[in-house]
N, C-alpha and C. Protein backbone atom coordinates (compact mmCIF):
# COMPACT_ATOMS: atom_id res chain seq x y z
N MET A 1 -70.11 22.66 -13.54
CA MET A 1 -71.31 23.14 -12.92
C MET A 1 -71.57 22.40 -11.63
N LYS A 2 -72.08 23.12 -10.63
CA LYS A 2 -72.33 22.43 -9.38
C LYS A 2 -73.64 21.67 -9.43
N LYS A 3 -73.72 20.65 -8.61
CA LYS A 3 -74.89 19.79 -8.58
C LYS A 3 -76.07 20.54 -7.96
N ALA A 4 -77.21 20.45 -8.59
CA ALA A 4 -78.41 21.11 -8.09
C ALA A 4 -78.97 20.35 -6.90
N ARG A 5 -79.58 21.08 -5.97
CA ARG A 5 -80.28 20.45 -4.85
C ARG A 5 -81.65 20.03 -5.36
N THR A 6 -81.81 18.76 -5.52
CA THR A 6 -83.00 18.20 -6.14
C THR A 6 -83.87 17.53 -5.10
N VAL A 7 -85.16 17.80 -5.16
CA VAL A 7 -86.13 17.13 -4.32
C VAL A 7 -86.85 16.11 -5.19
N LEU A 8 -86.83 14.86 -4.75
CA LEU A 8 -87.51 13.79 -5.49
C LEU A 8 -88.81 13.46 -4.77
N ARG A 9 -89.85 13.21 -5.57
CA ARG A 9 -91.14 12.83 -5.01
C ARG A 9 -91.89 11.97 -6.02
N GLU A 10 -93.00 11.40 -5.56
CA GLU A 10 -93.86 10.61 -6.44
C GLU A 10 -94.53 11.52 -7.47
N GLY A 11 -94.58 11.05 -8.71
CA GLY A 11 -95.32 11.77 -9.72
C GLY A 11 -96.81 11.67 -9.46
N GLU A 12 -97.53 12.74 -9.77
CA GLU A 12 -98.98 12.79 -9.54
C GLU A 12 -99.68 13.20 -10.83
N LEU A 13 -100.99 13.00 -10.85
CA LEU A 13 -101.77 13.38 -12.04
C LEU A 13 -101.58 14.86 -12.38
N ALA A 14 -101.41 15.69 -11.37
CA ALA A 14 -101.22 17.12 -11.59
C ALA A 14 -99.92 17.43 -12.33
N ASP A 15 -99.01 16.46 -12.40
CA ASP A 15 -97.72 16.65 -13.08
C ASP A 15 -97.78 16.30 -14.56
N LEU A 16 -98.89 15.76 -15.01
CA LEU A 16 -98.99 15.26 -16.39
C LEU A 16 -98.59 16.31 -17.42
N GLU A 17 -99.11 17.51 -17.32
CA GLU A 17 -98.82 18.55 -18.31
C GLU A 17 -97.33 18.89 -18.34
N SER A 18 -96.71 19.00 -17.17
CA SER A 18 -95.27 19.29 -17.11
C SER A 18 -94.45 18.17 -17.73
N MET A 19 -94.85 16.93 -17.48
CA MET A 19 -94.13 15.79 -18.03
C MET A 19 -94.21 15.80 -19.55
N VAL A 20 -95.40 16.03 -20.09
CA VAL A 20 -95.58 16.05 -21.54
C VAL A 20 -94.74 17.16 -22.16
N LYS A 21 -94.76 18.35 -21.55
CA LYS A 21 -93.99 19.48 -22.10
C LYS A 21 -92.49 19.19 -22.12
N ILE A 22 -91.98 18.63 -21.05
CA ILE A 22 -90.55 18.30 -21.00
C ILE A 22 -90.22 17.27 -22.08
N ASP A 23 -91.01 16.22 -22.17
CA ASP A 23 -90.75 15.16 -23.14
C ASP A 23 -90.79 15.70 -24.58
N GLU A 24 -91.75 16.57 -24.86
CA GLU A 24 -91.88 17.12 -26.21
C GLU A 24 -90.69 18.00 -26.59
N THR A 25 -90.05 18.63 -25.61
CA THR A 25 -88.88 19.46 -25.92
C THR A 25 -87.62 18.63 -26.12
N LEU A 26 -87.63 17.40 -25.63
CA LEU A 26 -86.44 16.56 -25.71
C LEU A 26 -86.43 15.61 -26.90
N PHE A 27 -87.61 15.24 -27.37
CA PHE A 27 -87.69 14.21 -28.40
C PHE A 27 -88.58 14.66 -29.55
N PRO A 28 -88.26 14.22 -30.77
CA PRO A 28 -89.13 14.55 -31.90
C PRO A 28 -90.48 13.84 -31.75
N PRO A 29 -91.51 14.33 -32.44
CA PRO A 29 -92.86 13.76 -32.29
C PRO A 29 -92.93 12.24 -32.51
N GLU A 30 -92.10 11.72 -33.37
CA GLU A 30 -92.18 10.27 -33.63
C GLU A 30 -91.52 9.44 -32.53
N ILE A 31 -90.89 10.09 -31.57
CA ILE A 31 -90.27 9.37 -30.45
C ILE A 31 -90.90 9.76 -29.12
N SER A 32 -91.35 10.99 -28.99
CA SER A 32 -91.91 11.44 -27.70
C SER A 32 -93.19 10.67 -27.37
N TYR A 33 -93.48 10.63 -26.07
CA TYR A 33 -94.68 9.95 -25.60
C TYR A 33 -95.88 10.89 -25.64
N ASP A 34 -97.06 10.32 -25.86
CA ASP A 34 -98.27 11.12 -25.83
C ASP A 34 -98.80 11.19 -24.39
N PRO A 35 -99.71 12.12 -24.11
CA PRO A 35 -100.24 12.26 -22.74
C PRO A 35 -100.86 10.97 -22.20
N GLU A 36 -101.51 10.21 -23.06
CA GLU A 36 -102.16 8.97 -22.62
C GLU A 36 -101.14 7.96 -22.08
N THR A 37 -99.96 7.93 -22.69
CA THR A 37 -98.92 7.02 -22.22
C THR A 37 -98.44 7.42 -20.83
N PHE A 38 -98.21 8.71 -20.64
CA PHE A 38 -97.81 9.17 -19.31
C PHE A 38 -98.91 8.91 -18.28
N LEU A 39 -100.15 9.11 -18.67
CA LEU A 39 -101.27 8.85 -17.78
C LEU A 39 -101.29 7.38 -17.37
N PHE A 40 -101.07 6.50 -18.33
CA PHE A 40 -101.01 5.07 -18.04
C PHE A 40 -99.98 4.79 -16.95
N TYR A 41 -98.76 5.32 -17.11
CA TYR A 41 -97.72 5.05 -16.12
C TYR A 41 -98.01 5.69 -14.77
N LEU A 42 -98.63 6.86 -14.77
CA LEU A 42 -98.99 7.51 -13.50
C LEU A 42 -100.02 6.69 -12.73
N LEU A 43 -100.88 5.98 -13.44
CA LEU A 43 -101.97 5.23 -12.80
C LEU A 43 -101.68 3.75 -12.59
N HIS A 44 -100.74 3.19 -13.34
CA HIS A 44 -100.52 1.74 -13.32
C HIS A 44 -99.80 1.31 -12.04
N PRO A 45 -100.33 0.32 -11.32
CA PRO A 45 -99.74 -0.08 -10.03
C PRO A 45 -98.34 -0.70 -10.12
N SER A 46 -97.93 -1.18 -11.29
CA SER A 46 -96.59 -1.77 -11.38
C SER A 46 -95.55 -0.75 -11.86
N SER A 47 -95.95 0.52 -11.94
CA SER A 47 -95.04 1.57 -12.41
C SER A 47 -94.78 2.59 -11.30
N ASP A 48 -93.59 3.13 -11.33
CA ASP A 48 -93.22 4.23 -10.45
C ASP A 48 -92.82 5.41 -11.31
N VAL A 49 -93.42 6.56 -11.04
CA VAL A 49 -93.04 7.81 -11.68
C VAL A 49 -92.38 8.65 -10.59
N ILE A 50 -91.12 8.96 -10.80
CA ILE A 50 -90.33 9.72 -9.84
C ILE A 50 -90.10 11.09 -10.43
N LEU A 51 -90.51 12.10 -9.71
CA LEU A 51 -90.40 13.47 -10.19
C LEU A 51 -89.28 14.19 -9.46
N ALA A 52 -88.52 15.00 -10.19
CA ALA A 52 -87.48 15.84 -9.61
C ALA A 52 -87.92 17.29 -9.68
N GLU A 53 -87.79 17.98 -8.56
CA GLU A 53 -88.15 19.39 -8.50
C GLU A 53 -86.98 20.21 -7.98
N ILE A 54 -86.87 21.41 -8.51
CA ILE A 54 -85.94 22.40 -7.99
C ILE A 54 -86.74 23.68 -7.78
N ASN A 55 -86.75 24.15 -6.54
CA ASN A 55 -87.53 25.35 -6.19
C ASN A 55 -88.98 25.26 -6.66
N GLY A 56 -89.59 24.09 -6.50
CA GLY A 56 -90.98 23.89 -6.85
C GLY A 56 -91.25 23.70 -8.33
N GLU A 57 -90.22 23.76 -9.16
CA GLU A 57 -90.38 23.59 -10.60
C GLU A 57 -90.00 22.17 -11.00
N VAL A 58 -90.83 21.56 -11.85
CA VAL A 58 -90.52 20.22 -12.33
C VAL A 58 -89.28 20.30 -13.20
N ALA A 59 -88.23 19.62 -12.77
CA ALA A 59 -86.96 19.63 -13.49
C ALA A 59 -86.79 18.39 -14.35
N GLY A 60 -87.48 17.32 -13.99
CA GLY A 60 -87.36 16.08 -14.73
C GLY A 60 -88.13 14.97 -14.06
N PHE A 61 -88.06 13.80 -14.68
CA PHE A 61 -88.77 12.64 -14.12
C PHE A 61 -88.18 11.36 -14.69
N ALA A 62 -88.44 10.29 -13.98
CA ALA A 62 -88.08 8.95 -14.44
C ALA A 62 -89.29 8.05 -14.27
N ILE A 63 -89.40 7.10 -15.17
CA ILE A 63 -90.47 6.10 -15.07
C ILE A 63 -89.81 4.73 -15.12
N VAL A 64 -90.12 3.92 -14.11
CA VAL A 64 -89.63 2.55 -14.07
C VAL A 64 -90.84 1.65 -13.82
N THR A 65 -90.86 0.52 -14.51
CA THR A 65 -92.01 -0.38 -14.39
C THR A 65 -91.54 -1.83 -14.35
N LEU A 66 -92.25 -2.62 -13.59
CA LEU A 66 -91.95 -4.05 -13.53
C LEU A 66 -92.37 -4.67 -14.85
N SER A 67 -91.41 -5.22 -15.59
CA SER A 67 -91.73 -5.77 -16.90
C SER A 67 -91.92 -7.28 -16.87
N GLU A 68 -91.24 -7.94 -15.98
CA GLU A 68 -91.39 -9.38 -15.76
C GLU A 68 -90.73 -9.69 -14.43
N PRO A 69 -91.04 -10.81 -13.84
CA PRO A 69 -90.44 -11.11 -12.54
C PRO A 69 -88.91 -11.02 -12.59
N GLY A 70 -88.35 -10.23 -11.69
CA GLY A 70 -86.91 -10.09 -11.62
C GLY A 70 -86.33 -9.01 -12.51
N ASP A 71 -87.17 -8.37 -13.36
CA ASP A 71 -86.66 -7.34 -14.26
C ASP A 71 -87.59 -6.14 -14.29
N CYS A 72 -87.00 -4.98 -14.21
CA CYS A 72 -87.75 -3.75 -14.40
C CYS A 72 -87.27 -3.07 -15.66
N GLN A 73 -88.14 -2.28 -16.23
CA GLN A 73 -87.85 -1.52 -17.44
C GLN A 73 -87.76 -0.05 -17.06
N LEU A 74 -86.66 0.58 -17.41
CA LEU A 74 -86.55 2.02 -17.28
C LEU A 74 -87.17 2.60 -18.54
N VAL A 75 -88.38 3.12 -18.42
CA VAL A 75 -89.13 3.61 -19.58
C VAL A 75 -88.48 4.87 -20.12
N THR A 76 -88.16 5.80 -19.23
CA THR A 76 -87.53 7.05 -19.66
C THR A 76 -86.96 7.79 -18.46
N ILE A 77 -85.96 8.58 -18.73
CA ILE A 77 -85.51 9.63 -17.82
C ILE A 77 -85.50 10.89 -18.67
N ASP A 78 -86.27 11.88 -18.25
CA ASP A 78 -86.33 13.16 -18.95
C ASP A 78 -85.89 14.26 -17.99
N VAL A 79 -84.97 15.09 -18.42
CA VAL A 79 -84.56 16.25 -17.64
C VAL A 79 -84.70 17.47 -18.54
N ALA A 80 -85.42 18.48 -18.06
CA ALA A 80 -85.62 19.70 -18.83
C ALA A 80 -84.28 20.24 -19.30
N LYS A 81 -84.24 20.72 -20.53
CA LYS A 81 -82.97 21.17 -21.13
C LYS A 81 -82.22 22.15 -20.25
N LYS A 82 -82.92 23.11 -19.67
CA LYS A 82 -82.24 24.12 -18.86
C LYS A 82 -81.74 23.57 -17.52
N MET A 83 -82.14 22.35 -17.19
CA MET A 83 -81.74 21.72 -15.92
C MET A 83 -80.73 20.59 -16.13
N GLN A 84 -80.31 20.36 -17.36
CA GLN A 84 -79.39 19.25 -17.63
C GLN A 84 -77.98 19.58 -17.13
N ARG A 85 -77.26 18.51 -16.86
CA ARG A 85 -75.86 18.57 -16.41
C ARG A 85 -75.72 19.16 -15.00
N LEU A 86 -76.78 18.96 -14.20
CA LEU A 86 -76.76 19.41 -12.81
C LEU A 86 -76.85 18.24 -11.83
N GLY A 87 -76.81 17.02 -12.34
CA GLY A 87 -76.88 15.84 -11.49
C GLY A 87 -78.30 15.30 -11.30
N ILE A 88 -79.27 15.92 -11.95
CA ILE A 88 -80.67 15.51 -11.80
C ILE A 88 -80.89 14.12 -12.39
N GLY A 89 -80.36 13.89 -13.58
CA GLY A 89 -80.52 12.58 -14.21
C GLY A 89 -79.92 11.47 -13.36
N ALA A 90 -78.76 11.72 -12.79
CA ALA A 90 -78.12 10.72 -11.94
C ALA A 90 -78.96 10.45 -10.69
N SER A 91 -79.55 11.50 -10.11
CA SER A 91 -80.42 11.32 -8.94
C SER A 91 -81.66 10.50 -9.30
N LEU A 92 -82.24 10.81 -10.46
CA LEU A 92 -83.41 10.06 -10.90
C LEU A 92 -83.07 8.60 -11.20
N LEU A 93 -81.92 8.36 -11.81
CA LEU A 93 -81.52 7.00 -12.13
C LEU A 93 -81.30 6.19 -10.85
N LYS A 94 -80.65 6.80 -9.87
CA LYS A 94 -80.42 6.11 -8.59
C LYS A 94 -81.76 5.77 -7.93
N ALA A 95 -82.69 6.72 -7.94
CA ALA A 95 -84.01 6.48 -7.35
C ALA A 95 -84.75 5.39 -8.11
N ALA A 96 -84.64 5.38 -9.44
CA ALA A 96 -85.29 4.34 -10.25
C ALA A 96 -84.74 2.97 -9.91
N HIS A 97 -83.42 2.87 -9.72
CA HIS A 97 -82.81 1.60 -9.34
C HIS A 97 -83.31 1.15 -7.96
N GLN A 98 -83.44 2.10 -7.04
CA GLN A 98 -83.94 1.75 -5.71
C GLN A 98 -85.37 1.24 -5.78
N ARG A 99 -86.20 1.90 -6.59
CA ARG A 99 -87.59 1.45 -6.75
C ARG A 99 -87.63 0.06 -7.38
N ALA A 100 -86.82 -0.15 -8.39
CA ALA A 100 -86.78 -1.46 -9.04
C ALA A 100 -86.39 -2.54 -8.03
N GLY A 101 -85.37 -2.26 -7.24
CA GLY A 101 -84.94 -3.21 -6.22
C GLY A 101 -86.03 -3.49 -5.21
N SER A 102 -86.80 -2.46 -4.83
CA SER A 102 -87.88 -2.66 -3.87
C SER A 102 -89.02 -3.50 -4.45
N ARG A 103 -89.07 -3.60 -5.78
CA ARG A 103 -90.06 -4.45 -6.45
C ARG A 103 -89.51 -5.85 -6.71
N GLY A 104 -88.31 -6.11 -6.21
CA GLY A 104 -87.73 -7.44 -6.36
C GLY A 104 -86.92 -7.63 -7.63
N ALA A 105 -86.66 -6.57 -8.36
CA ALA A 105 -85.92 -6.70 -9.61
C ALA A 105 -84.45 -7.00 -9.34
N LYS A 106 -83.90 -7.84 -10.16
CA LYS A 106 -82.47 -8.17 -10.11
C LYS A 106 -81.72 -7.41 -11.19
N SER A 107 -82.47 -6.86 -12.15
CA SER A 107 -81.86 -6.10 -13.23
C SER A 107 -82.85 -5.04 -13.72
N VAL A 108 -82.28 -4.04 -14.42
CA VAL A 108 -83.09 -3.00 -15.06
C VAL A 108 -82.62 -2.91 -16.50
N SER A 109 -83.56 -2.90 -17.42
CA SER A 109 -83.21 -2.77 -18.83
C SER A 109 -83.81 -1.48 -19.37
N LEU A 110 -83.27 -1.04 -20.50
CA LEU A 110 -83.76 0.17 -21.15
C LEU A 110 -83.42 0.10 -22.62
N GLN A 111 -84.03 1.00 -23.39
CA GLN A 111 -83.72 1.15 -24.81
C GLN A 111 -83.31 2.60 -25.02
N VAL A 112 -82.27 2.78 -25.82
CA VAL A 112 -81.78 4.13 -26.10
C VAL A 112 -81.41 4.21 -27.56
N ASP A 113 -81.74 5.33 -28.18
CA ASP A 113 -81.44 5.56 -29.60
C ASP A 113 -79.94 5.41 -29.82
N THR A 114 -79.56 4.68 -30.85
CA THR A 114 -78.13 4.44 -31.12
C THR A 114 -77.39 5.74 -31.45
N ASN A 115 -78.12 6.78 -31.83
CA ASN A 115 -77.49 8.07 -32.13
C ASN A 115 -77.38 8.99 -30.91
N SER A 116 -77.92 8.59 -29.78
CA SER A 116 -77.91 9.42 -28.57
C SER A 116 -76.63 9.12 -27.77
N THR A 117 -75.52 9.60 -28.29
CA THR A 117 -74.23 9.26 -27.69
C THR A 117 -74.10 9.76 -26.25
N ASP A 118 -74.64 10.94 -25.94
CA ASP A 118 -74.57 11.43 -24.56
C ASP A 118 -75.34 10.52 -23.61
N ALA A 119 -76.53 10.11 -24.04
CA ALA A 119 -77.35 9.22 -23.20
C ALA A 119 -76.67 7.86 -23.03
N ILE A 120 -76.09 7.34 -24.09
CA ILE A 120 -75.41 6.05 -24.01
C ILE A 120 -74.25 6.14 -23.02
N ARG A 121 -73.46 7.20 -23.11
CA ARG A 121 -72.35 7.39 -22.17
C ARG A 121 -72.85 7.51 -20.73
N PHE A 122 -73.95 8.24 -20.54
CA PHE A 122 -74.55 8.41 -19.22
C PHE A 122 -74.89 7.04 -18.62
N TYR A 123 -75.56 6.20 -19.40
CA TYR A 123 -75.95 4.88 -18.91
C TYR A 123 -74.74 3.97 -18.71
N GLU A 124 -73.76 4.05 -19.59
CA GLU A 124 -72.55 3.23 -19.42
C GLU A 124 -71.80 3.63 -18.15
N ARG A 125 -71.70 4.94 -17.88
CA ARG A 125 -71.05 5.40 -16.64
C ARG A 125 -71.77 4.88 -15.40
N ALA A 126 -73.08 4.70 -15.52
CA ALA A 126 -73.88 4.19 -14.40
C ALA A 126 -73.77 2.67 -14.26
N GLY A 127 -73.12 2.00 -15.22
CA GLY A 127 -72.94 0.56 -15.14
C GLY A 127 -73.75 -0.27 -16.11
N TYR A 128 -74.52 0.37 -16.97
CA TYR A 128 -75.29 -0.37 -17.97
C TYR A 128 -74.36 -0.91 -19.05
N GLU A 129 -74.74 -2.05 -19.58
CA GLU A 129 -74.00 -2.65 -20.69
C GLU A 129 -74.95 -2.87 -21.86
N LYS A 130 -74.41 -2.72 -23.05
CA LYS A 130 -75.21 -2.97 -24.25
C LYS A 130 -75.47 -4.47 -24.36
N LYS A 131 -76.74 -4.80 -24.48
CA LYS A 131 -77.15 -6.19 -24.62
C LYS A 131 -77.25 -6.57 -26.08
N GLY A 132 -77.69 -5.62 -26.90
CA GLY A 132 -77.81 -5.90 -28.33
C GLY A 132 -78.57 -4.79 -29.03
N PRO A 133 -78.45 -4.74 -30.36
CA PRO A 133 -79.17 -3.72 -31.13
C PRO A 133 -80.63 -4.11 -31.34
N LEU A 134 -81.46 -3.09 -31.49
CA LEU A 134 -82.88 -3.27 -31.80
C LEU A 134 -83.16 -2.49 -33.08
N PRO A 135 -83.03 -3.13 -34.24
CA PRO A 135 -83.23 -2.43 -35.51
C PRO A 135 -84.65 -1.88 -35.63
N ASN A 136 -84.76 -0.67 -36.21
CA ASN A 136 -86.06 -0.04 -36.49
C ASN A 136 -86.95 0.03 -35.25
N TYR A 137 -86.38 0.28 -34.10
CA TYR A 137 -87.11 0.23 -32.84
C TYR A 137 -88.15 1.35 -32.71
N TYR A 138 -87.79 2.54 -33.11
CA TYR A 138 -88.67 3.70 -32.92
C TYR A 138 -89.61 3.88 -34.10
N ARG A 139 -90.66 4.68 -33.89
CA ARG A 139 -91.65 4.92 -34.96
C ARG A 139 -91.02 5.53 -36.20
N ASN A 140 -89.91 6.27 -36.02
CA ASN A 140 -89.24 6.84 -37.19
C ASN A 140 -88.24 5.85 -37.80
N LEU A 141 -88.28 4.62 -37.32
CA LEU A 141 -87.46 3.49 -37.79
C LEU A 141 -85.98 3.60 -37.43
N SER A 142 -85.63 4.51 -36.51
CA SER A 142 -84.25 4.55 -36.04
C SER A 142 -84.01 3.38 -35.09
N ASP A 143 -82.75 3.02 -34.96
CA ASP A 143 -82.36 1.86 -34.17
C ASP A 143 -82.14 2.25 -32.71
N ALA A 144 -82.21 1.25 -31.85
CA ALA A 144 -81.95 1.45 -30.43
C ALA A 144 -80.98 0.39 -29.94
N TRP A 145 -80.34 0.69 -28.83
CA TRP A 145 -79.58 -0.30 -28.09
C TRP A 145 -80.44 -0.77 -26.93
N GLU A 146 -80.47 -2.06 -26.69
CA GLU A 146 -81.00 -2.60 -25.45
C GLU A 146 -79.83 -2.59 -24.48
N MET A 147 -80.03 -1.97 -23.32
CA MET A 147 -78.99 -1.92 -22.31
C MET A 147 -79.53 -2.48 -21.01
N VAL A 148 -78.65 -3.04 -20.19
CA VAL A 148 -79.10 -3.67 -18.95
C VAL A 148 -78.05 -3.46 -17.86
N ILE A 149 -78.54 -3.40 -16.63
CA ILE A 149 -77.67 -3.34 -15.46
C ILE A 149 -78.19 -4.35 -14.46
N LYS A 150 -77.29 -5.04 -13.82
CA LYS A 150 -77.64 -5.95 -12.73
C LYS A 150 -77.64 -5.13 -11.45
N LEU A 151 -78.68 -5.33 -10.63
CA LEU A 151 -78.77 -4.60 -9.37
C LEU A 151 -78.08 -5.35 -8.25
């Protein structure tokens, strides 16, 4: 499939409903974020919400936040199912790394479900390494991998 022409921009309050809908289609209720969580990240000064659009439609988003000096946390990358495998996730990840670097981060960490093999491969291809397991990490008690990349 050819790479989609993606426009990246800052997430806004008006994007909240689209973000929630995308997240709910990608993750089960015990893993997906609630609207209040997205609102927190949209408003919090140490967070960046990067939105991807194709032809004016929200195709996906990434959230990166300063978690401690020198480290940013990649909270999530969500790409609408019908827009996956078009290079949108890679564009969002690159933008998230740039934002983290602009905040002085030397590394970016994330958590990913140990059963999400496609996501794990995606992050490994981008240069992330598994730091260690996080048993019972999610509300449904499934495990996660802590992964990290040096910028």
